[in-house]
Amino acid sequence: MLLATVLPKLALAQEIIKLWPDEAIPNAIVGTQITEKSETDANDILRISNVSVPTLTVYLPPKGKATGTAVMICPGGGYGILAASHEGSDVARWFNDMGVAAFVLKYRLPNPAIMTNQQEVPLLDAMQGLTLIRKGAARYGIDSNKIGVMGFSAGGHLASTLATHYNKGPKASEQAKPNFTILLYPVITFGEKAHAGSRNNLLGKLASSPEMVAYYSNELQVTAQTPPTFLVHAEDDKAVPVENSIDFYLACLKSGVPAEMHLYPSGGHGFGLRTAKFGSLNAWPDACKAWLMSLYAKK
């Protein structure tokens, strides 16, 4: 189950964990193969595609800084690629600086050529990732009741799906429940304000099914059991309309779920921690840190 890999010191990662035994990856079509691809684009963003072996990459803070809190990070990419650096490893290092253990999830991307029921697969990987982190809490020096999930864009859809669907369906599991959720410019709805690419990539042939659209429109799936949530969105986001965050926030309020939302006039889409040129958007990391600290402040 565990594959320990020593990475270059500059990566600051201690380990890579395979989510599933090779012979038992759920929904994988036996005998099919695909070659994973990694490339860095002109904006210095690492783009990973064709993921067939999902993993967690572990980033632990120095023991003297460790707070016992942990977060699983889901990079975005429209369910077509994973933006694995600025929405993954870079964010993990930021969490480490504040004493938070971080686990970057490399989840499988929907592909009917290598999997069945493609719409289930990213969530299966996210549930397994959170479960493995919780089971390994003592080993990683973290509190099993302080493990959250963070997602960007389509990764935000996956994170919010985990937060609202961990207790649904035949694979329901309390072990997979995040204790908190952090969502940056998340895809939330598959309805009117949807990011069509994320919806179509995840659902495939089921993208026209009203039942599937509603099931994966996460603003419709919030309940009192949904974990506390922190949201960040730019109002000028042309890829994922700001209403995605607003509607999830309102659903949290309606269900009595503690939620905090920060909207900024400019920033567009996909900014991650790269906020220097967007004025007030610079404030979101400090706001997030303060919110996270407040969750576990001693009463």
Protein backbone atom coordinates (compact mmCIF):
# COMPACT_ATOMS: atom_id res chain seq x y z
CA MET A 1 0.00 0.00 0.00
CA LEU A 2 2.84 2.38 0.81
CA LEU A 3 5.57 3.26 -1.66
CA ALA A 4 8.27 5.35 -0.04
CA THR A 5 10.34 7.40 -2.48
CA VAL A 6 13.22 9.70 -1.61
CA LEU A 7 12.80 12.87 -3.66
CA PRO A 8 15.31 15.65 -4.38
CA LYS A 9 15.80 17.96 -1.40
CA LEU A 10 14.39 20.91 -3.33
CA ALA A 11 11.03 19.16 -3.55
CA LEU A 12 10.76 19.01 0.27
CA ALA A 13 8.54 15.94 -0.05
CA GLN A 14 9.26 12.94 2.15
CA GLU A 15 7.23 10.18 0.55
CA ILE A 16 4.91 9.15 -2.25
CA ILE A 17 2.03 6.87 -1.29
CA LYS A 18 0.21 4.75 -3.86
CA LEU A 19 -3.50 4.92 -3.07
CA TRP A 20 -4.31 1.41 -4.21
CA PRO A 21 -2.49 -1.89 -4.68
CA ASP A 22 -1.68 -2.23 -8.39
CA GLU A 23 -3.94 -5.23 -8.79
CA ALA A 24 -6.92 -3.62 -7.10
CA ILE A 25 -7.38 -0.08 -8.45
CA PRO A 26 -11.17 0.36 -8.42
CA ASN A 27 -12.97 0.88 -11.73
CA ALA A 28 -9.76 0.27 -13.71
CA ILE A 29 -10.25 -1.81 -16.85
CA VAL A 30 -7.88 -4.75 -16.64
CA GLY A 31 -5.38 -4.93 -19.49
CA THR A 32 -5.59 -1.28 -20.53
CA GLN A 33 -2.56 0.97 -20.36
CA ILE A 34 -1.90 4.67 -20.64
CA THR A 35 1.33 6.64 -20.30
CA GLU A 36 1.31 9.43 -17.74
CA LYS A 37 2.62 12.76 -19.04
CA SER A 38 4.24 15.66 -17.18
CA GLU A 39 5.20 18.96 -18.74
CA THR A 40 5.87 22.49 -17.55
CA ASP A 41 4.15 25.23 -19.53
CA ALA A 42 5.19 28.81 -20.32
CA ASN A 43 3.79 29.98 -16.97
CA ASP A 44 5.99 27.51 -15.07
CA ILE A 45 2.97 25.35 -14.23
CA LEU A 46 3.53 21.61 -14.03
CA ARG A 47 0.73 19.90 -15.95
CA ILE A 48 0.15 16.18 -15.37
CA SER A 49 -2.20 14.16 -17.57
CA ASN A 50 -3.13 10.53 -18.23
CA VAL A 51 -3.02 9.59 -14.56
CA SER A 52 -3.73 5.89 -14.08
CA VAL A 53 -1.86 5.25 -10.79
CA PRO A 54 -3.12 7.75 -8.19
CA THR A 55 -0.85 8.83 -5.35
CA LEU A 56 -0.41 11.11 -2.36
CA THR A 57 2.81 13.11 -2.07
CA VAL A 58 3.66 13.85 1.55
CA TYR A 59 5.01 17.18 2.80
CA LEU A 60 5.58 17.32 6.55
CA PRO A 61 6.52 20.44 8.53
CA PRO A 62 9.52 20.46 10.87
CA LYS A 63 8.61 18.73 14.13
CA GLY A 64 9.16 21.90 16.07
CA LYS A 65 6.55 23.71 13.97
CA ALA A 66 3.98 20.93 13.60
CA THR A 67 0.49 21.83 14.82
CA GLY A 68 -1.10 18.40 14.30
CA THR A 69 -3.30 19.77 11.51
CA ALA A 70 -3.19 18.26 8.01
CA VAL A 71 -4.72 18.99 4.62
CA MET A 72 -5.11 17.00 1.42
CA ILE A 73 -4.68 19.24 -1.63
CA CYS A 74 -6.58 18.60 -4.88
CA PRO A 75 -5.06 20.51 -7.83
CA GLY A 76 -7.35 21.81 -10.55
CA GLY A 77 -7.28 21.37 -14.30
CA GLY A 78 -10.84 20.89 -15.51
CA TYR A 79 -10.71 17.11 -14.89
CA GLY A 80 -8.44 17.03 -17.94
CA ILE A 81 -5.02 17.72 -16.40
CA LEU A 82 -3.63 18.40 -12.93
CA ALA A 83 -2.01 21.78 -12.27
CA ALA A 84 0.36 20.06 -9.89
CA SER A 85 2.78 22.85 -8.94
CA HIS A 86 1.03 26.16 -8.26
CA GLU A 87 -2.08 24.35 -7.02
CA GLY A 88 -0.20 21.50 -5.41
CA SER A 89 3.43 21.42 -4.29
CA ASP A 90 3.74 25.20 -3.91
CA VAL A 91 0.70 25.25 -1.63
CA ALA A 92 1.99 22.27 0.34
CA ARG A 93 5.17 24.20 1.19
CA TRP A 94 3.07 27.18 2.27
CA PHE A 95 1.15 24.95 4.66
CA ASN A 96 4.38 23.48 6.01
CA ASP A 97 5.57 26.99 6.84
CA MET A 98 2.59 27.36 9.18
CA GLY A 99 3.11 23.91 10.72
CA VAL A 100 0.44 22.07 8.73
CA ALA A 101 1.16 18.67 7.15
CA ALA A 102 0.17 18.59 3.47
CA PHE A 103 -0.62 15.73 1.12
CA VAL A 104 -0.94 16.50 -2.60
CA LEU A 105 -3.44 14.19 -4.29
CA LYS A 106 -2.64 13.00 -7.79
CA TYR A 107 -6.08 11.68 -8.68
CA ARG A 108 -7.12 9.79 -11.79
CA LEU A 109 -8.69 11.88 -14.52
CA PRO A 110 -11.90 10.60 -16.14
CA ASN A 111 -11.09 8.45 -19.17
CA PRO A 112 -13.53 5.80 -20.48
CA ALA A 113 -10.68 4.02 -22.26
CA ILE A 114 -9.13 2.87 -18.98
CA MET A 115 -11.96 2.93 -16.43
CA THR A 116 -15.62 2.14 -15.86
CA ASN A 117 -18.10 4.65 -14.42
CA GLN A 118 -15.61 7.46 -14.92
CA GLN A 119 -17.66 9.95 -12.90
CA GLU A 120 -16.99 7.94 -9.73
CA VAL A 121 -13.22 7.68 -10.06
CA PRO A 122 -11.86 11.04 -8.79
CA LEU A 123 -14.09 10.81 -5.70
CA LEU A 124 -13.00 7.22 -5.05
CA ASP A 125 -9.39 8.39 -5.11
CA ALA A 126 -10.11 11.38 -2.85
CA MET A 127 -11.95 9.20 -0.33
CA GLN A 128 -9.09 6.72 -0.29
CA GLY A 129 -6.55 9.51 0.08
CA LEU A 130 -8.29 11.05 3.09
CA THR A 131 -8.76 7.59 4.61
CA LEU A 132 -5.06 6.74 4.28
CA ILE A 133 -4.05 10.04 5.86
CA ARG A 134 -6.39 9.40 8.80
CA LYS A 135 -5.16 5.83 9.25
CA GLY A 136 -1.57 7.08 9.19
CA ALA A 137 -2.19 9.99 11.57
CA ALA A 138 0.08 8.69 14.33
CA ARG A 139 2.85 7.96 11.85
CA TYR A 140 2.70 11.48 10.45
CA GLY A 141 2.30 13.21 13.80
CA ILE A 142 -1.14 14.59 13.03
CA ASP A 143 -4.46 14.67 14.86
CA SER A 144 -7.00 12.40 13.14
CA ASN A 145 -9.70 14.99 13.93
CA LYS A 146 -7.83 17.83 12.22
CA ILE A 147 -7.59 16.61 8.62
CA GLY A 148 -9.11 18.77 5.93
CA VAL A 149 -9.31 18.95 2.15
CA MET A 150 -8.42 21.84 -0.15
CA GLY A 151 -9.24 22.18 -3.83
CA PHE A 152 -8.69 24.60 -6.68
CA SER A 153 -11.09 24.97 -9.64
CA ALA A 154 -12.05 21.42 -10.70
CA GLY A 155 -10.02 20.26 -7.71
CA GLY A 156 -12.42 22.43 -5.73
CA HIS A 157 -15.25 20.46 -7.25
CA LEU A 158 -13.57 17.26 -6.12
CA ALA A 159 -12.92 18.66 -2.63
CA SER A 160 -16.52 19.86 -2.28
CA THR A 161 -17.76 16.51 -3.62
CA LEU A 162 -15.75 14.75 -0.92
CA ALA A 163 -17.19 17.13 1.70
CA THR A 164 -20.78 16.47 0.58
CA HIS A 165 -20.66 12.87 -0.71
CA TYR A 166 -18.37 11.02 1.71
CA ASN A 167 -21.53 9.59 3.33
CA LYS A 168 -23.43 8.78 0.14
CA GLY A 169 -23.63 5.63 -1.96
CA PRO A 170 -22.20 2.14 -1.42
CA LYS A 171 -18.69 3.45 -0.64
CA ALA A 172 -19.86 5.82 2.14
CA SER A 173 -17.26 6.12 4.89
CA GLU A 174 -16.85 8.32 7.95
CA GLN A 175 -13.11 7.65 7.67
CA ALA A 176 -13.16 9.67 4.45
CA LYS A 177 -14.87 12.72 5.97
CA PRO A 178 -12.73 15.87 5.97
CA ASN A 179 -12.83 17.96 9.15
CA PHE A 180 -12.72 21.18 7.15
CA THR A 181 -12.82 22.30 3.53
CA ILE A 182 -10.89 25.08 1.75
CA LEU A 183 -12.11 25.96 -1.74
CA LEU A 184 -10.40 28.37 -4.14
CA TYR A 185 -12.32 29.48 -7.24
CA PRO A 186 -14.09 26.11 -7.08
CA VAL A 187 -16.28 24.49 -9.67
CA ILE A 188 -19.38 23.77 -7.60
CA THR A 189 -22.42 23.56 -9.82
CA PHE A 190 -23.02 21.55 -12.97
CA GLY A 191 -26.12 23.63 -13.67
CA GLU A 192 -26.55 27.11 -15.18
CA LYS A 193 -23.24 28.57 -13.92
CA ALA A 194 -21.20 25.44 -14.60
CA HIS A 195 -17.72 25.23 -15.98
CA ALA A 196 -18.79 23.12 -18.93
CA GLY A 197 -15.39 21.54 -19.48
CA SER A 198 -15.21 20.15 -15.94
CA ARG A 199 -18.78 18.88 -16.13
CA ASN A 200 -18.33 17.22 -19.50
CA ASN A 201 -14.96 15.70 -18.62
CA LEU A 202 -16.25 14.20 -15.38
CA LEU A 203 -19.64 12.98 -16.54
CA GLY A 204 -18.83 12.10 -20.15
CA LYS A 205 -21.89 10.57 -21.79
CA LEU A 206 -23.89 11.29 -18.63
CA ALA A 207 -23.41 15.06 -18.92
CA SER A 208 -26.96 15.43 -20.25
CA SER A 209 -28.49 13.41 -17.39
CA PRO A 210 -30.50 15.68 -15.06
CA GLU A 211 -29.96 13.21 -12.22
CA MET A 212 -26.17 13.20 -12.61
CA VAL A 213 -26.03 16.97 -13.05
CA ALA A 214 -27.97 17.44 -9.81
CA TYR A 215 -25.96 14.80 -7.94
CA TYR A 216 -22.67 16.51 -8.77
CA SER A 217 -23.99 20.05 -8.29
CA ASN A 218 -22.59 20.31 -4.81
CA GLU A 219 -24.55 23.36 -3.73
CA LEU A 220 -27.54 20.99 -3.80
CA GLN A 221 -25.79 18.38 -1.67
CA VAL A 222 -24.85 20.43 1.41
CA THR A 223 -26.29 19.13 4.69
CA ALA A 224 -25.73 19.81 8.37
CA GLN A 225 -22.98 17.16 8.21
CA THR A 226 -20.91 19.14 5.69
CA PRO A 227 -17.66 20.29 7.35
CA PRO A 228 -16.77 23.95 8.00
CA THR A 229 -15.79 25.67 4.77
CA PHE A 230 -13.56 28.54 3.65
CA LEU A 231 -14.06 29.96 0.14
CA VAL A 232 -12.04 32.34 -2.05
CA HIS A 233 -13.11 33.64 -5.46
CA ALA A 234 -12.41 36.58 -7.76
CA GLU A 235 -15.46 38.39 -9.08
CA ASP A 236 -13.89 38.76 -12.53
CA ASP A 237 -13.35 35.00 -12.93
CA LYS A 238 -14.37 34.30 -16.54
CA ALA A 239 -13.78 30.54 -16.37
CA VAL A 240 -15.71 29.63 -13.22
CA PRO A 241 -18.36 32.22 -12.34
CA VAL A 242 -18.21 33.59 -8.80
CA GLU A 243 -21.76 32.33 -8.24
CA ASN A 244 -20.25 28.87 -7.75
CA SER A 245 -18.73 29.97 -4.43
CA ILE A 246 -21.67 32.19 -3.50
CA ASP A 247 -24.22 29.40 -3.95
CA PHE A 248 -22.15 26.95 -1.91
CA TYR A 249 -21.76 29.55 0.84
CA LEU A 250 -25.50 30.19 0.91
CA ALA A 251 -26.18 26.44 1.04
CA CYS A 252 -23.84 26.20 4.04
CA LEU A 253 -25.70 29.03 5.79
CA LYS A 254 -29.02 27.36 5.12
CA SER A 255 -27.81 24.09 6.64
CA GLY A 256 -26.07 25.68 9.62
CA VAL A 257 -22.57 24.84 8.39
CA PRO A 258 -19.90 27.31 9.56
CA ALA A 259 -18.58 29.06 6.45
CA GLU A 260 -16.38 32.03 5.59
CA MET A 261 -16.17 33.50 2.09
CA HIS A 262 -13.75 36.06 0.66
CA LEU A 263 -14.59 37.67 -2.69
CA TYR A 264 -12.12 39.94 -4.47
CA PRO A 265 -12.82 42.33 -7.36
CA SER A 266 -9.92 41.10 -9.49
CA GLY A 267 -7.77 38.03 -9.83
CA GLY A 268 -9.33 36.07 -12.65
CA HIS A 269 -8.97 32.32 -12.48
CA GLY A 270 -6.17 30.00 -11.43
CA PHE A 271 -4.10 32.41 -9.36
CA GLY A 272 -3.22 30.09 -6.48
CA LEU A 273 -0.63 31.87 -4.33
CA ARG A 274 0.40 34.09 -7.26
CA THR A 275 -1.48 37.18 -6.11
CA ALA A 276 1.08 40.02 -6.22
CA LYS A 277 -0.44 41.85 -9.18
CA PHE A 278 -4.04 41.70 -7.97
CA GLY A 279 -4.14 44.15 -5.08
CA SER A 280 -6.46 43.05 -2.30
CA LEU A 281 -6.29 39.43 -3.45
CA ASN A 282 -2.94 39.34 -1.63
CA ALA A 283 -4.95 39.05 1.59
CA TRP A 284 -6.43 35.61 1.01
CA PRO A 285 -3.52 33.50 2.36
CA ASP A 286 -3.46 35.38 5.68
CA ALA A 287 -7.25 35.19 5.92
CA CYS A 288 -7.11 31.46 5.31
CA LYS A 289 -4.41 30.99 7.93
CA ALA A 290 -6.42 32.97 10.49
CA TRP A 291 -9.56 30.93 9.74
CA LEU A 292 -7.70 27.64 10.07
CA MET A 293 -6.12 28.71 13.35
CA SER A 294 -9.51 29.79 14.67
CA LEU A 295 -10.99 26.33 14.03
CA TYR A 296 -8.66 24.73 16.52
CA ALA A 297 -7.96 27.60 18.91
CA LYS A 298 -8.03 26.49 22.53
CA LYS A 299 -11.28 27.51 24.16
